[in-house]
Amino acid sequence: MNILAWIVLGLLAGAIAKAIYPGHQGGGILGTILLGIIGAFVGGSLAMLFTTGQLALATPTLSIPGVALAVVGAILAVFIWHLFTRRSAV
């Protein structure tokens, strides 16, 4: 997949994931694109794991199912990020 498709997929997936996930994530447009690209890797790799049984670094294509996988991966990435960065209420 070329770089322009990566940026478009990242922007779409990151924006949708930020709209779905509750709370404020911040990060701006570059953070949104990076979140979507990370989500594409996470979603594609999980899909590869569930379909073939092997964990491999894979990315979805720029299609409706590919964007859906990237959004699920981005939501999972935001959730994991908040687990590591949340502050205790002390």
Protein backbone atom coordinates (compact mmCIF):
# COMPACT_ATOMS: atom_id res chain seq x y z
CA MET A 1 0.00 0.00 0.00
CA ASN A 2 1.46 3.38 -0.91
CA ILE A 3 2.02 6.20 1.56
CA LEU A 4 -1.03 8.23 0.50
CA ALA A 5 -3.31 5.25 1.13
CA TRP A 6 -1.67 4.77 4.55
CA ILE A 7 -2.36 8.40 5.45
CA VAL A 8 -5.97 8.24 4.25
CA LEU A 9 -6.60 4.94 6.06
CA GLY A 10 -4.96 6.31 9.21
CA LEU A 11 -6.99 9.51 9.12
CA LEU A 12 -10.27 7.69 8.57
CA ALA A 13 -9.66 4.99 11.16
CA GLY A 14 -8.21 7.37 13.75
CA ALA A 15 -11.04 9.89 13.40
CA ILE A 16 -13.73 7.20 13.66
CA ALA A 17 -12.01 5.57 16.65
CA LYS A 18 -11.71 8.91 18.44
CA ALA A 19 -15.40 9.62 17.77
CA ILE A 20 -16.45 6.21 19.14
CA TYR A 21 -14.13 5.99 22.16
CA PRO A 22 -15.46 7.97 25.15
CA GLY A 23 -13.42 10.77 26.67
CA HIS A 24 -10.85 13.19 25.34
CA GLN A 25 -7.82 11.71 23.55
CA GLY A 26 -6.15 14.84 22.17
CA GLY A 27 -3.22 14.55 19.80
CA GLY A 28 -4.37 16.67 16.87
CA ILE A 29 -4.41 15.59 13.23
CA LEU A 30 -0.98 13.92 13.27
CA GLY A 31 -1.89 11.97 16.39
CA THR A 32 -5.12 10.88 14.75
CA ILE A 33 -3.30 9.67 11.63
CA LEU A 34 -0.68 7.85 13.71
CA LEU A 35 -3.41 6.27 15.85
CA GLY A 36 -5.18 5.05 12.73
CA ILE A 37 -1.99 3.60 11.23
CA ILE A 38 -1.19 1.80 14.49
CA GLY A 39 -4.80 0.61 14.54
CA ALA A 40 -4.44 -0.73 11.02
CA PHE A 41 -1.42 -2.79 12.08
CA VAL A 42 -3.17 -4.04 15.23
CA GLY A 43 -6.44 -4.86 13.43
CA GLY A 44 -4.70 -6.50 10.48
CA SER A 45 -2.47 -8.58 12.72
CA LEU A 46 -5.42 -9.72 14.84
CA ALA A 47 -7.38 -10.65 11.72
CA MET A 48 -4.38 -12.65 10.49
CA LEU A 49 -4.13 -14.39 13.86
CA PHE A 50 -7.82 -15.33 13.90
CA THR A 51 -7.95 -16.51 10.28
CA THR A 52 -4.65 -18.37 9.93
CA GLY A 53 -3.64 -19.04 13.52
CA GLN A 54 -0.27 -17.34 13.02
CA LEU A 55 0.72 -13.97 14.40
CA ALA A 56 2.15 -11.88 11.57
CA LEU A 57 2.44 -8.16 10.95
CA ALA A 58 -0.30 -7.45 8.41
CA THR A 59 -2.27 -4.42 7.32
CA PRO A 60 -5.73 -4.21 5.81
CA THR A 61 -6.39 -2.62 2.44
CA LEU A 62 -8.12 0.69 1.84
CA SER A 63 -11.63 -0.78 1.66
CA ILE A 64 -14.69 -0.81 3.90
CA PRO A 65 -13.68 -4.02 5.72
CA GLY A 66 -10.11 -2.72 5.93
CA VAL A 67 -11.24 0.54 7.50
CA ALA A 68 -13.45 -1.41 9.92
CA LEU A 69 -10.47 -3.55 10.97
CA ALA A 70 -8.32 -0.45 11.38
CA VAL A 71 -11.00 1.24 13.52
CA VAL A 72 -11.26 -1.80 15.79
CA GLY A 73 -7.48 -1.88 16.07
CA ALA A 74 -7.35 1.87 16.80
CA ILE A 75 -9.99 1.56 19.53
CA LEU A 76 -7.96 -1.27 21.04
CA ALA A 77 -4.78 0.85 20.78
CA VAL A 78 -6.49 3.80 22.54
CA PHE A 79 -7.73 1.47 25.29
CA ILE A 80 -4.26 0.03 25.84
CA TRP A 81 -2.71 3.53 25.76
CA HIS A 82 -5.13 4.69 28.47
CA LEU A 83 -4.29 1.66 30.61
CA PHE A 84 -0.63 2.70 30.66
CA THR A 85 -1.09 6.45 30.97
CA ARG A 86 -4.03 6.89 33.32
CA ARG A 87 -3.30 8.49 36.64
CA SER A 88 -4.42 7.16 39.98
CA ALA A 89 -6.98 9.12 41.99
CA VAL A 90 -4.74 9.66 45.02
